[in-house]
Protein backbone atom coordinates (compact mmCIF):
# COMPACT_ATOMS: atom_id res chain seq x y z
CA UNK A 1 -65.22 -66.01 51.50
CA UNK A 2 -67.78 -68.59 50.45
CA UNK A 3 -71.35 -67.27 50.05
CA UNK A 4 -73.84 -68.34 52.73
CA UNK A 5 -76.05 -71.21 51.61
CA UNK A 6 -79.37 -72.22 53.17
CA UNK A 7 -79.47 -75.79 54.39
CA UNK A 8 -82.00 -77.97 52.69
CA UNK A 9 -83.65 -78.93 55.99
CA UNK A 10 -83.56 -77.63 59.54
CA UNK A 11 -83.95 -80.35 62.14
CA UNK A 12 -82.29 -81.48 65.33
CA UNK A 13 -79.95 -83.96 63.58
CA UNK A 14 -76.61 -82.57 64.63
CA UNK A 15 -76.10 -84.79 67.70
CA UNK A 16 -73.43 -87.49 67.58
CA UNK A 17 -74.82 -90.83 66.54
CA UNK A 18 -74.83 -93.87 68.75
CA UNK A 19 -71.67 -95.24 67.21
CA UNK A 20 -69.79 -91.96 67.77
CA UNK A 21 -70.97 -91.75 71.40
CA UNK A 22 -71.57 -95.18 72.90
CA UNK A 23 -72.47 -93.67 76.29
CA UNK A 24 -75.75 -92.16 75.00
CA UNK A 25 -78.65 -94.61 75.14
CA UNK A 26 -81.48 -94.57 72.62
CA UNK A 27 -84.00 -93.21 75.16
CA UNK A 28 -81.61 -90.56 76.40
CA UNK A 29 -80.88 -89.54 72.83
CA UNK A 30 -84.60 -89.01 72.11
CA UNK A 31 -85.10 -86.96 75.28
CA UNK A 32 -82.07 -84.85 74.50
CA UNK A 33 -83.23 -84.23 70.93
CA UNK A 34 -86.70 -83.26 72.20
CA UNK A 35 -85.27 -80.89 74.81
CA UNK A 36 -83.07 -79.13 72.26
CA UNK A 37 -85.96 -78.77 69.80
CA UNK A 38 -88.27 -77.35 72.49
CA UNK A 39 -85.56 -74.92 73.60
CA UNK A 40 -85.03 -73.77 70.02
CA UNK A 41 -88.75 -73.17 69.44
CA UNK A 42 -89.16 -71.32 72.75
CA UNK A 43 -86.15 -69.10 72.06
CA UNK A 44 -87.46 -68.27 68.59
CA UNK A 45 -90.89 -67.35 70.00
CA UNK A 46 -89.43 -65.09 72.70
CA UNK A 47 -87.09 -63.40 70.22
CA UNK A 48 -89.95 -62.77 67.81
CA UNK A 49 -92.15 -61.38 70.57
CA UNK A 50 -89.46 -58.99 71.77
CA UNK A 51 -88.80 -57.78 68.22
CA UNK A 52 -92.51 -57.16 67.61
CA UNK A 53 -92.82 -55.23 70.88
CA UNK A 54 -89.80 -53.05 70.15
CA UNK A 55 -90.98 -52.30 66.61
CA UNK A 56 -94.70 -51.77 67.26
CA UNK A 57 -94.93 -50.12 70.68
CA UNK A 58 -96.40 -46.58 70.50
CA UNK A 59 -93.87 -44.01 69.41
CA UNK A 60 -95.46 -41.23 71.49
CA UNK A 61 -94.75 -42.76 74.92
CA UNK A 62 -92.15 -40.10 75.67
CA UNK A 63 -94.89 -37.47 75.28
CA UNK A 64 -97.24 -38.98 77.89
CA UNK A 65 -97.43 -37.42 81.36
CA UNK A 66 -99.19 -39.02 84.33
CA UNK A 67 -100.49 -36.49 86.87
CA UNK A 68 -102.69 -36.61 89.96
CA UNK A 69 -105.08 -34.03 91.31
CA UNK A 70 -107.00 -33.96 94.57
CA UNK A 71 -110.69 -33.52 93.82
CA UNK A 72 -112.82 -31.63 96.30
CA UNK A 73 -115.93 -32.36 94.24
CA UNK A 74 -115.43 -36.13 94.25
CA UNK A 75 -113.58 -36.31 97.56
CA UNK A 76 -110.74 -38.42 96.17
CA UNK A 77 -107.50 -38.28 94.22
CA UNK A 78 -107.78 -38.78 90.46
CA UNK A 79 -105.21 -39.48 87.77
CA UNK A 80 -104.89 -37.69 84.45
CA UNK A 81 -102.99 -39.17 81.49
CA UNK A 82 -101.90 -36.29 79.27
CA UNK A 83 -100.66 -36.91 75.72
CA UNK A 84 -98.95 -33.81 74.35
CA UNK A 85 -98.60 -33.41 70.55
CA UNK A 86 -95.36 -33.84 68.65
CA UNK A 87 -94.76 -30.11 68.13
CA UNK A 88 -95.44 -29.10 71.75
CA UNK A 89 -91.82 -28.55 72.82
CA UNK A 90 -90.63 -26.95 69.60
CA UNK A 91 -93.62 -24.59 69.18
CA UNK A 92 -93.74 -22.62 72.46
CA UNK A 93 -96.25 -20.07 71.13
CA UNK A 94 -98.79 -22.56 69.83
CA UNK A 95 -101.98 -23.47 71.68
CA UNK A 96 -103.89 -26.69 71.14
CA UNK A 97 -107.47 -28.00 71.30
CA UNK A 98 -108.00 -30.53 74.10
CA UNK A 99 -109.74 -33.91 73.84
CA UNK A 100 -110.95 -35.26 77.20
CA UNK A 101 -111.33 -39.05 76.97
CA UNK A 102 -113.38 -41.06 79.47
CA UNK A 103 -112.14 -44.52 80.43
CA UNK A 104 -108.59 -43.24 80.28
CA UNK A 105 -105.90 -45.98 80.17
CA UNK A 106 -108.08 -47.98 77.77
CA UNK A 107 -109.45 -45.38 75.32
CA UNK A 108 -106.96 -42.50 75.41
CA UNK A 109 -104.01 -44.20 73.67
CA UNK A 110 -105.79 -45.04 70.42
CA UNK A 111 -107.37 -41.56 70.47
CA UNK A 112 -103.95 -39.93 70.73
CA UNK A 113 -102.54 -42.20 68.02
CA UNK A 114 -105.37 -41.39 65.58
CA UNK A 115 -105.10 -37.67 66.27
CA UNK A 116 -101.32 -37.66 65.82
CA UNK A 117 -101.51 -39.55 62.52
CA UNK A 118 -104.28 -37.36 61.11
CA UNK A 119 -102.46 -34.18 62.16
CA UNK A 120 -99.29 -35.50 60.52
CA UNK A 121 -101.07 -35.89 57.17
CA UNK A 122 -102.67 -32.46 57.51
CA UNK A 123 -106.39 -33.19 57.91
CA UNK A 124 -106.76 -31.88 61.49
CA UNK A 125 -104.75 -29.77 63.93
CA UNK A 126 -102.59 -31.30 66.61
CA UNK A 127 -104.43 -31.77 69.90
CA UNK A 128 -103.71 -32.47 73.55
CA UNK A 129 -105.41 -35.70 74.67
CA UNK A 130 -106.33 -36.08 78.35
CA UNK A 131 -107.26 -39.57 79.52
CA UNK A 132 -109.46 -39.83 82.63
CA UNK A 133 -108.90 -43.25 84.23
CA UNK A 134 -111.48 -44.84 86.52
CA UNK A 135 -110.65 -45.62 90.13
CA UNK A 136 -112.74 -48.82 90.09
CA UNK A 137 -115.56 -50.51 88.23
CA UNK A 138 -118.01 -49.46 90.93
CA UNK A 139 -116.90 -45.84 90.74
CA UNK A 140 -117.17 -45.96 86.96
CA UNK A 141 -120.86 -46.76 87.38
CA UNK A 142 -121.15 -43.89 89.84
CA UNK A 143 -119.36 -41.35 87.65
CA UNK A 144 -120.82 -42.17 84.24
CA UNK A 145 -124.48 -42.72 85.18
CA UNK A 146 -126.84 -39.70 85.09
CA UNK A 147 -128.49 -38.81 88.43
CA UNK A 148 -131.96 -39.87 87.25
CA UNK A 149 -130.81 -43.45 86.52
CA UNK A 150 -129.77 -46.35 88.76
CA UNK A 151 -126.13 -47.35 88.65
CA UNK A 152 -126.98 -51.06 88.47
CA UNK A 153 -130.30 -51.86 86.82
CA UNK A 154 -130.21 -55.42 88.16
CA UNK A 155 -130.43 -54.22 91.77
CA UNK A 156 -133.64 -52.57 92.95
CA UNK A 157 -131.79 -50.87 95.81
CA UNK A 158 -129.01 -49.55 93.58
CA UNK A 159 -128.20 -45.88 94.24
CA UNK A 160 -128.70 -43.27 91.57
CA UNK A 161 -125.79 -42.21 89.41
CA UNK A 162 -123.59 -39.21 90.16
CA UNK A 163 -122.85 -38.14 86.60
CA UNK A 164 -123.75 -34.57 87.54
CA UNK A 165 -120.93 -34.54 90.10
CA UNK A 166 -118.48 -35.92 87.56
CA UNK A 167 -119.43 -33.18 85.06
CA UNK A 168 -118.88 -30.65 87.87
CA UNK A 169 -115.47 -32.25 88.53
CA UNK A 170 -114.54 -31.79 84.87
CA UNK A 171 -115.83 -28.22 84.76
CA UNK A 172 -114.46 -26.84 88.01
CA UNK A 173 -111.30 -28.91 88.56
CA UNK A 174 -109.96 -30.85 85.57
CA UNK A 175 -110.39 -28.27 82.81
CA UNK A 176 -108.98 -25.37 84.86
CA UNK A 177 -106.02 -27.51 85.95
CA UNK A 178 -105.21 -28.54 82.36
CA UNK A 179 -105.56 -24.92 81.22
CA UNK A 180 -103.05 -23.82 83.87
CA UNK A 181 -100.51 -26.54 83.22
CA UNK A 182 -100.62 -26.72 79.40
CA UNK A 183 -100.90 -24.37 76.44
CA UNK A 184 -104.53 -25.06 75.68
CA UNK A 185 -106.81 -23.34 73.24
CA UNK A 186 -110.49 -22.62 73.82
CA UNK A 187 -111.78 -25.61 71.82
CA UNK A 188 -112.68 -28.68 73.92
CA UNK A 189 -113.92 -32.15 72.96
CA UNK A 190 -115.40 -34.87 75.22
CA UNK A 191 -115.21 -38.51 74.07
CA UNK A 192 -116.72 -41.56 75.73
CA UNK A 193 -117.52 -45.20 74.99
CA UNK A 194 -120.42 -47.35 76.23
CA UNK A 195 -121.47 -45.96 79.62
CA UNK A 196 -118.93 -43.21 78.98
CA UNK A 197 -120.90 -42.46 75.80
CA UNK A 198 -124.03 -42.23 77.96
CA UNK A 199 -122.33 -39.54 80.05
CA UNK A 200 -121.30 -37.69 76.87
CA UNK A 201 -124.95 -37.50 75.77
CA UNK A 202 -126.00 -36.48 79.30
CA UNK A 203 -123.45 -33.63 79.24
CA UNK A 204 -125.02 -32.33 76.03
CA UNK A 205 -128.35 -32.05 77.86
CA UNK A 206 -127.12 -30.62 81.13
CA UNK A 207 -124.29 -28.30 80.01
CA UNK A 208 -124.13 -28.03 76.20
CA UNK A 209 -121.64 -25.15 76.24
CA UNK A 210 -119.00 -26.92 78.33
CA UNK A 211 -117.59 -28.71 75.26
CA UNK A 212 -117.47 -27.58 71.66
CA UNK A 213 -117.77 -31.14 70.35
CA UNK A 214 -118.74 -34.54 71.71
CA UNK A 215 -118.00 -38.09 70.52
CA UNK A 216 -120.38 -40.78 71.84
CA UNK A 217 -119.19 -44.24 70.78
CA UNK A 218 -121.61 -47.13 71.39
CA UNK A 219 -123.49 -45.10 74.02
CA UNK A 220 -125.58 -47.18 76.44
CA UNK A 221 -128.81 -45.35 75.61
CA UNK A 222 -130.99 -48.42 76.19
CA UNK A 223 -130.73 -48.30 79.98
CA UNK A 224 -133.95 -47.78 82.00
CA UNK A 225 -136.26 -47.86 78.99
CA UNK A 226 -134.17 -45.33 77.06
CA UNK A 227 -134.96 -42.53 79.49
CA UNK A 228 -131.88 -40.61 78.29
CA UNK A 229 -133.41 -40.44 74.80
CA UNK A 230 -136.55 -38.84 76.25
CA UNK A 231 -134.39 -36.37 78.17
CA UNK A 232 -132.52 -35.60 74.97
CA UNK A 233 -135.75 -34.84 73.11
CA UNK A 234 -136.97 -32.60 75.93
CA UNK A 235 -133.63 -30.80 75.99
CA UNK A 236 -133.79 -30.17 72.27
CA UNK A 237 -137.33 -28.81 72.45
CA UNK A 238 -136.50 -26.38 75.26
CA UNK A 239 -133.08 -25.35 73.95
CA UNK A 240 -132.53 -22.07 72.15
CA UNK A 241 -128.93 -22.67 71.12
CA UNK A 242 -126.73 -25.76 71.32
CA UNK A 243 -124.07 -24.36 69.02
CA UNK A 244 -122.01 -27.53 69.28
CA UNK A 245 -121.07 -30.76 67.50
CA UNK A 246 -122.20 -34.32 68.24
CA UNK A 247 -120.78 -37.44 66.61
CA UNK A 248 -122.42 -40.74 67.57
CA UNK A 249 -121.67 -44.24 66.32
CA UNK A 250 -122.70 -47.82 66.96
CA UNK A 251 -120.92 -50.98 65.90
CA UNK A 252 -122.73 -52.86 63.17
CA UNK A 253 -122.43 -56.12 65.14
CA UNK A 254 -123.72 -54.85 68.50
CA UNK A 255 -126.74 -56.39 70.21
CA UNK A 256 -130.33 -55.38 69.58
CA UNK A 257 -130.88 -53.38 72.77
CA UNK A 258 -127.86 -51.21 71.94
CA UNK A 259 -129.11 -50.83 68.36
CA UNK A 260 -132.63 -49.90 69.47
CA UNK A 261 -131.39 -47.13 71.76
CA UNK A 262 -129.17 -45.82 68.98
CA UNK A 263 -132.02 -45.80 66.43
CA UNK A 264 -134.30 -44.02 68.91
CA UNK A 265 -131.68 -41.31 69.46
CA UNK A 266 -131.14 -40.89 65.72
CA UNK A 267 -134.89 -40.43 65.24
CA UNK A 268 -134.90 -37.71 67.92
CA UNK A 269 -131.93 -36.00 66.25
CA UNK A 270 -133.65 -36.10 62.88
CA UNK A 271 -136.89 -34.65 64.19
CA UNK A 272 -135.85 -32.29 66.98
CA UNK A 273 -132.16 -31.37 66.74
CA UNK A 274 -131.64 -27.60 67.18
CA UNK A 275 -130.69 -25.76 64.03
CA UNK A 276 -127.17 -24.91 65.24
CA UNK A 277 -126.35 -28.43 66.43
CA UNK A 278 -124.08 -30.09 63.86
CA UNK A 279 -124.44 -33.84 64.21
CA UNK A 280 -123.73 -37.13 62.48
CA UNK A 281 -124.56 -40.73 63.38
CA UNK A 282 -122.92 -43.80 61.85
CA UNK A 283 -123.18 -47.57 61.98
CA UNK A 284 -119.61 -48.90 61.85
CA UNK A 285 -119.58 -51.91 59.54
CA UNK A 286 -117.96 -54.99 61.07
CA UNK A 287 -117.44 -53.41 64.49
CA UNK A 288 -118.49 -54.94 67.77
CA UNK A 289 -118.96 -53.21 71.09
CA UNK A 290 -115.31 -53.50 72.02
CA UNK A 291 -113.85 -52.29 68.71
CA UNK A 292 -116.26 -49.54 67.69
CA UNK A 293 -114.62 -46.65 69.56
CA UNK A 294 -111.19 -47.25 68.06
CA UNK A 295 -112.61 -47.66 64.54
CA UNK A 296 -114.90 -44.63 64.84
CA UNK A 297 -112.47 -42.13 66.36
CA UNK A 298 -110.77 -41.19 63.05
CA UNK A 299 -114.21 -40.79 61.44
CA UNK A 300 -115.30 -38.48 64.26
CA UNK A 301 -112.18 -36.34 63.90
CA UNK A 302 -112.67 -36.18 60.13
CA UNK A 303 -116.29 -35.11 60.50
CA UNK A 304 -115.34 -32.45 63.02
CA UNK A 305 -112.42 -31.03 61.06
CA UNK A 306 -113.74 -31.49 57.54
CA UNK A 307 -112.36 -28.68 55.41
CA UNK A 308 -109.62 -27.81 57.89
CA UNK A 309 -106.17 -27.10 56.48
CA UNK A 310 -102.78 -26.09 57.83
CA UNK A 311 -102.51 -22.34 58.48
CA UNK A 312 -99.96 -20.35 56.56
CA UNK A 313 -96.85 -19.15 58.38
CA UNK A 314 -98.28 -15.64 58.77
CA UNK A 315 -101.58 -16.98 60.09
CA UNK A 316 -99.74 -19.26 62.49
CA UNK A 317 -97.62 -16.39 63.79
CA UNK A 318 -100.69 -14.23 64.33
CA UNK A 319 -102.71 -16.92 66.04
CA UNK A 320 -102.97 -16.69 69.82
CA UNK A 321 -105.46 -19.47 70.37
CA UNK A 322 -106.16 -22.82 68.76
CA UNK A 323 -109.74 -23.08 67.63
CA UNK A 324 -112.04 -25.76 66.32
CA UNK A 325 -113.31 -26.82 62.91
CA UNK A 326 -113.19 -23.31 61.48
CA UNK A 327 -109.43 -22.93 62.06
CA UNK A 328 -107.74 -21.58 58.95
């Protein structure tokens, strides 16, 4: 068998010439050559796209479960996107921390991917990731805006936010449902981006013990003259505990109003953070508003689980609950 040899040039020159096919006119020949070339290019593009999709689509899709619950608190049906860790089926006695991610369907996938990769290399435990999708843009404003702020600052008649109701929905309906349906541990994390990050900070003020850790990515702290920053300061001054973790980040390329709110919050943390609150704030170099959450999530996990290591077999066998950063 002769070895395959690459042709010197690839071009549409394999049609019979005019002498070999007298029935093909010059104009028809050009159109035919063009059509074949276009078809070849289109086929190559489609083939490449399909190959990329098959090779790069998330490998954890089989471990994603879409569920629906009827909320009495919100008066509507809500979806939950649950990402279970790789070991879930083969480790029936293991319990897992849970990460609740606002803006589910846009922020939960990269969170689950980062967590799975970091657990695989042994720098954090495996976690269950629960994405909380929005029902609409209008309802997102309703759910993620604190009750002392208008949902739409451009409308004087805009109603106040209902973030307190959404926190109650998480506390009384979502968390208990997840705890019943999955092998959860006692350690819970809340993550949110932009207005979702605003709700994360609000939850720290209104119910600090509900979550053991919070990730606020590009939080919209600037809204209504940074009133949330004032509320945060007041909450710190009056708090006796706050034994929790806060990670906050802002993209280095975000606009000035976002930056100003972030700097104001950092100043409050530096001056008034309770002694037992473990916190960190970062500017993510090169990140914009849209990319900061995905770039910051691994950093947040690393900060939270710094010093964590895989338990020994005896420790794993004795463990009945999955805990947070102090897991050994």
